[in-house]
Amino acid sequence: MNKTELVAAMADKAGIKKTDAEKALKAFTDTVTKQLKKGDKVQLVGFGTFEVTKRAAREGRNPQTGAVMKIAASKAPKFKAGKALKDLVNKK
């Protein structure tokens, strides 16, 4: 499912216009992004948690040449599914 399909599904499910659903999706992603940039986590009970993890600096290898290279420390967004979501996905 891509963004256009998601917006259409949201609009259909909520009984709203696609433009309104797109605005709601944009507001959600912007808000989550803003909170993650601040270092906060966003927890939606039953769905999951968005948070930032820190990756330490490390040495890696260039796969083409095999040369050792330094990989800088970085932060990465992470999503951890909640129990209710996991249960629904695994339900048979």
N, C-alpha and C. Protein backbone atom coordinates (compact mmCIF):
# COMPACT_ATOMS: atom_id res chain seq x y z
N MET A 1 0.85 -1.17 0.00
CA MET A 1 0.00 0.00 0.00
C MET A 1 0.89 1.23 0.00
N ASN A 2 0.65 2.12 -0.93
CA ASN A 2 1.41 3.37 -0.97
C ASN A 2 0.59 4.49 -0.32
N LYS A 3 1.14 5.70 -0.32
CA LYS A 3 0.50 6.82 0.37
C LYS A 3 -0.87 7.12 -0.23
N THR A 4 -0.99 7.12 -1.55
CA THR A 4 -2.27 7.42 -2.20
C THR A 4 -3.34 6.42 -1.80
N GLU A 5 -2.96 5.14 -1.78
CA GLU A 5 -3.91 4.10 -1.39
C GLU A 5 -4.29 4.22 0.08
N LEU A 6 -3.32 4.59 0.93
CA LEU A 6 -3.59 4.78 2.35
C LEU A 6 -4.56 5.93 2.56
N VAL A 7 -4.33 7.04 1.87
CA VAL A 7 -5.22 8.21 1.99
C VAL A 7 -6.63 7.83 1.55
N ALA A 8 -6.75 7.10 0.44
CA ALA A 8 -8.06 6.69 -0.05
C ALA A 8 -8.76 5.77 0.96
N ALA A 9 -8.02 4.84 1.54
CA ALA A 9 -8.60 3.92 2.53
C ALA A 9 -9.03 4.67 3.79
N MET A 10 -8.21 5.62 4.23
CA MET A 10 -8.56 6.42 5.40
C MET A 10 -9.82 7.23 5.15
N ALA A 11 -9.90 7.85 3.98
CA ALA A 11 -11.06 8.66 3.63
C ALA A 11 -12.33 7.81 3.60
N ASP A 12 -12.22 6.63 3.01
CA ASP A 12 -13.37 5.72 2.92
C ASP A 12 -13.80 5.25 4.30
N LYS A 13 -12.85 4.85 5.12
CA LYS A 13 -13.15 4.32 6.46
C LYS A 13 -13.76 5.40 7.36
N ALA A 14 -13.25 6.64 7.27
CA ALA A 14 -13.72 7.71 8.14
C ALA A 14 -14.91 8.47 7.55
N GLY A 15 -15.21 8.21 6.27
CA GLY A 15 -16.32 8.92 5.64
C GLY A 15 -16.02 10.39 5.41
N ILE A 16 -14.76 10.69 5.05
CA ILE A 16 -14.35 12.08 4.79
C ILE A 16 -13.76 12.19 3.39
N LYS A 17 -13.50 13.42 2.97
CA LYS A 17 -12.89 13.66 1.66
C LYS A 17 -11.43 13.22 1.68
N LYS A 18 -10.94 12.85 0.50
CA LYS A 18 -9.54 12.44 0.39
C LYS A 18 -8.61 13.58 0.80
N THR A 19 -8.96 14.81 0.47
CA THR A 19 -8.10 15.95 0.83
C THR A 19 -7.99 16.08 2.35
N ASP A 20 -9.11 15.84 3.04
CA ASP A 20 -9.09 15.91 4.51
C ASP A 20 -8.27 14.77 5.09
N ALA A 21 -8.39 13.58 4.50
CA ALA A 21 -7.61 12.44 4.97
C ALA A 21 -6.13 12.68 4.74
N GLU A 22 -5.79 13.30 3.61
CA GLU A 22 -4.38 13.60 3.32
C GLU A 22 -3.83 14.62 4.31
N LYS A 23 -4.65 15.63 4.66
CA LYS A 23 -4.23 16.62 5.66
C LYS A 23 -4.01 15.95 7.02
N ALA A 24 -4.90 15.02 7.39
CA ALA A 24 -4.77 14.32 8.67
C ALA A 24 -3.51 13.46 8.69
N LEU A 25 -3.24 12.76 7.60
CA LEU A 25 -2.04 11.93 7.51
C LEU A 25 -0.78 12.80 7.60
N LYS A 26 -0.79 13.92 6.89
CA LYS A 26 0.37 14.84 6.91
C LYS A 26 0.57 15.39 8.32
N ALA A 27 -0.52 15.77 8.99
CA ALA A 27 -0.42 16.28 10.36
C ALA A 27 0.15 15.22 11.29
N PHE A 28 -0.28 13.96 11.12
CA PHE A 28 0.23 12.86 11.94
C PHE A 28 1.72 12.66 11.73
N THR A 29 2.14 12.55 10.46
CA THR A 29 3.57 12.31 10.19
C THR A 29 4.43 13.49 10.62
N ASP A 30 3.93 14.71 10.41
CA ASP A 30 4.69 15.90 10.84
C ASP A 30 4.85 15.93 12.36
N THR A 31 3.79 15.60 13.07
CA THR A 31 3.84 15.62 14.54
C THR A 31 4.78 14.55 15.07
N VAL A 32 4.69 13.34 14.52
CA VAL A 32 5.59 12.26 14.96
C VAL A 32 7.04 12.64 14.66
N THR A 33 7.30 13.18 13.47
CA THR A 33 8.64 13.59 13.10
C THR A 33 9.18 14.66 14.05
N LYS A 34 8.36 15.65 14.37
CA LYS A 34 8.77 16.73 15.27
C LYS A 34 9.14 16.19 16.65
N GLN A 35 8.32 15.27 17.17
CA GLN A 35 8.58 14.71 18.49
C GLN A 35 9.85 13.86 18.49
N LEU A 36 10.06 13.09 17.43
CA LEU A 36 11.27 12.27 17.34
C LEU A 36 12.52 13.14 17.23
N LYS A 37 12.43 14.25 16.50
CA LYS A 37 13.57 15.17 16.40
C LYS A 37 13.93 15.74 17.76
N LYS A 38 12.90 15.97 18.61
CA LYS A 38 13.14 16.50 19.96
C LYS A 38 13.69 15.43 20.89
N GLY A 39 13.65 14.17 20.46
CA GLY A 39 14.15 13.09 21.30
C GLY A 39 13.05 12.41 22.10
N ASP A 40 11.80 12.83 21.90
CA ASP A 40 10.68 12.22 22.60
C ASP A 40 10.23 10.96 21.85
N LYS A 41 9.42 10.16 22.51
CA LYS A 41 8.83 9.02 21.83
C LYS A 41 7.33 9.23 21.75
N VAL A 42 6.71 8.61 20.76
CA VAL A 42 5.27 8.71 20.56
C VAL A 42 4.69 7.31 20.77
N GLN A 43 3.86 7.17 21.78
CA GLN A 43 3.31 5.87 22.13
C GLN A 43 1.81 5.86 21.90
N LEU A 44 1.36 4.96 21.03
CA LEU A 44 -0.06 4.77 20.77
C LEU A 44 -0.43 3.41 21.35
N VAL A 45 -1.10 3.43 22.49
CA VAL A 45 -1.42 2.20 23.22
C VAL A 45 -2.22 1.27 22.31
N GLY A 46 -1.78 0.03 22.23
CA GLY A 46 -2.43 -0.97 21.41
C GLY A 46 -1.91 -1.02 19.99
N PHE A 47 -1.25 0.06 19.54
CA PHE A 47 -0.73 0.09 18.17
C PHE A 47 0.79 -0.07 18.17
N GLY A 48 1.48 0.83 18.85
CA GLY A 48 2.93 0.73 18.91
C GLY A 48 3.59 2.01 19.37
N THR A 49 4.91 2.01 19.32
CA THR A 49 5.71 3.14 19.80
C THR A 49 6.73 3.54 18.74
N PHE A 50 6.77 4.84 18.46
CA PHE A 50 7.81 5.41 17.60
C PHE A 50 8.85 6.02 18.53
N GLU A 51 10.13 5.70 18.30
CA GLU A 51 11.19 6.28 19.12
C GLU A 51 12.48 6.37 18.32
N VAL A 52 13.45 7.05 18.88
CA VAL A 52 14.75 7.23 18.23
C VAL A 52 15.77 6.37 18.96
N THR A 53 16.56 5.62 18.20
CA THR A 53 17.64 4.84 18.79
C THR A 53 18.97 5.44 18.35
N LYS A 54 19.96 5.32 19.20
CA LYS A 54 21.29 5.84 18.88
C LYS A 54 22.18 4.71 18.42
N ARG A 55 22.90 4.94 17.35
CA ARG A 55 23.85 3.96 16.85
C ARG A 55 25.25 4.50 17.10
N ALA A 56 26.07 3.72 17.74
CA ALA A 56 27.44 4.14 18.06
C ALA A 56 28.29 4.14 16.79
N ALA A 57 29.37 4.91 16.83
CA ALA A 57 30.33 4.91 15.73
C ALA A 57 30.99 3.54 15.68
N ARG A 58 31.30 3.10 14.49
CA ARG A 58 31.91 1.77 14.35
C ARG A 58 32.72 1.71 13.07
N GLU A 59 33.47 0.63 12.94
CA GLU A 59 34.23 0.41 11.71
C GLU A 59 33.49 -0.58 10.83
N GLY A 60 33.48 -0.29 9.55
CA GLY A 60 32.84 -1.19 8.59
C GLY A 60 33.80 -1.46 7.45
N ARG A 61 33.34 -2.19 6.48
CA ARG A 61 34.17 -2.50 5.31
C ARG A 61 33.42 -2.12 4.04
N ASN A 62 34.15 -1.57 3.10
CA ASN A 62 33.60 -1.29 1.78
C ASN A 62 33.43 -2.64 1.09
N PRO A 63 32.20 -3.01 0.70
CA PRO A 63 32.00 -4.33 0.11
C PRO A 63 32.70 -4.53 -1.24
N GLN A 64 32.98 -3.45 -1.94
CA GLN A 64 33.65 -3.59 -3.24
C GLN A 64 35.15 -3.77 -3.11
N THR A 65 35.76 -3.00 -2.19
CA THR A 65 37.22 -3.03 -2.08
C THR A 65 37.71 -3.78 -0.84
N GLY A 66 36.85 -3.93 0.15
CA GLY A 66 37.26 -4.58 1.39
C GLY A 66 38.00 -3.63 2.32
N ALA A 67 38.15 -2.37 1.92
CA ALA A 67 38.86 -1.38 2.73
C ALA A 67 38.06 -1.05 4.00
N VAL A 68 38.79 -0.86 5.10
CA VAL A 68 38.15 -0.50 6.36
C VAL A 68 37.75 0.97 6.29
N MET A 69 36.54 1.26 6.76
CA MET A 69 36.07 2.65 6.78
C MET A 69 35.34 2.91 8.08
N LYS A 70 35.33 4.16 8.49
CA LYS A 70 34.66 4.53 9.73
C LYS A 70 33.23 4.92 9.42
N ILE A 71 32.30 4.41 10.22
CA ILE A 71 30.89 4.75 10.10
C ILE A 71 30.57 5.62 11.30
N ALA A 72 30.11 6.83 11.03
CA ALA A 72 29.85 7.81 12.09
C ALA A 72 28.65 7.39 12.94
N ALA A 73 28.64 7.90 14.16
CA ALA A 73 27.49 7.67 15.05
C ALA A 73 26.27 8.34 14.43
N SER A 74 25.10 7.78 14.66
CA SER A 74 23.89 8.35 14.09
C SER A 74 22.68 7.99 14.95
N LYS A 75 21.58 8.62 14.62
CA LYS A 75 20.31 8.32 15.26
C LYS A 75 19.39 7.75 14.19
N ALA A 76 18.53 6.82 14.57
CA ALA A 76 17.62 6.21 13.60
C ALA A 76 16.23 6.07 14.22
N PRO A 77 15.19 6.40 13.45
CA PRO A 77 13.85 6.19 13.96
C PRO A 77 13.52 4.70 14.01
N LYS A 78 12.69 4.32 14.97
CA LYS A 78 12.35 2.91 15.16
C LYS A 78 10.88 2.82 15.53
N PHE A 79 10.22 1.79 15.03
CA PHE A 79 8.83 1.53 15.40
C PHE A 79 8.76 0.15 16.04
N LYS A 80 8.15 0.08 17.20
CA LYS A 80 7.96 -1.19 17.88
C LYS A 80 6.46 -1.42 18.01
N ALA A 81 5.98 -2.49 17.38
CA ALA A 81 4.56 -2.80 17.40
C ALA A 81 4.10 -3.16 18.81
N GLY A 82 2.88 -2.72 19.14
CA GLY A 82 2.29 -3.04 20.43
C GLY A 82 1.69 -4.45 20.43
N LYS A 83 1.37 -4.93 21.60
CA LYS A 83 0.86 -6.29 21.74
C LYS A 83 -0.44 -6.49 20.96
N ALA A 84 -1.35 -5.54 21.03
CA ALA A 84 -2.64 -5.69 20.34
C ALA A 84 -2.44 -5.79 18.83
N LEU A 85 -1.54 -4.99 18.28
CA LEU A 85 -1.26 -5.04 16.84
C LEU A 85 -0.62 -6.37 16.47
N LYS A 86 0.34 -6.81 17.27
CA LYS A 86 0.98 -8.11 17.02
C LYS A 86 -0.04 -9.23 17.03
N ASP A 87 -0.94 -9.19 18.01
CA ASP A 87 -1.96 -10.24 18.12
C ASP A 87 -2.89 -10.25 16.91
N LEU A 88 -3.28 -9.06 16.43
CA LEU A 88 -4.16 -8.98 15.26
C LEU A 88 -3.47 -9.49 14.00
N VAL A 89 -2.19 -9.17 13.84
CA VAL A 89 -1.46 -9.60 12.67
C VAL A 89 -1.25 -11.11 12.68
N ASN A 90 -1.03 -11.68 13.85
CA ASN A 90 -0.78 -13.11 13.97
C ASN A 90 -2.03 -13.96 14.12
N LYS A 91 -3.19 -13.32 14.21
CA LYS A 91 -4.45 -14.06 14.37
C LYS A 91 -4.76 -14.85 13.11
N LYS A 92 -5.18 -16.09 13.31
CA LYS A 92 -5.46 -16.95 12.15
C LYS A 92 -6.93 -17.07 11.88
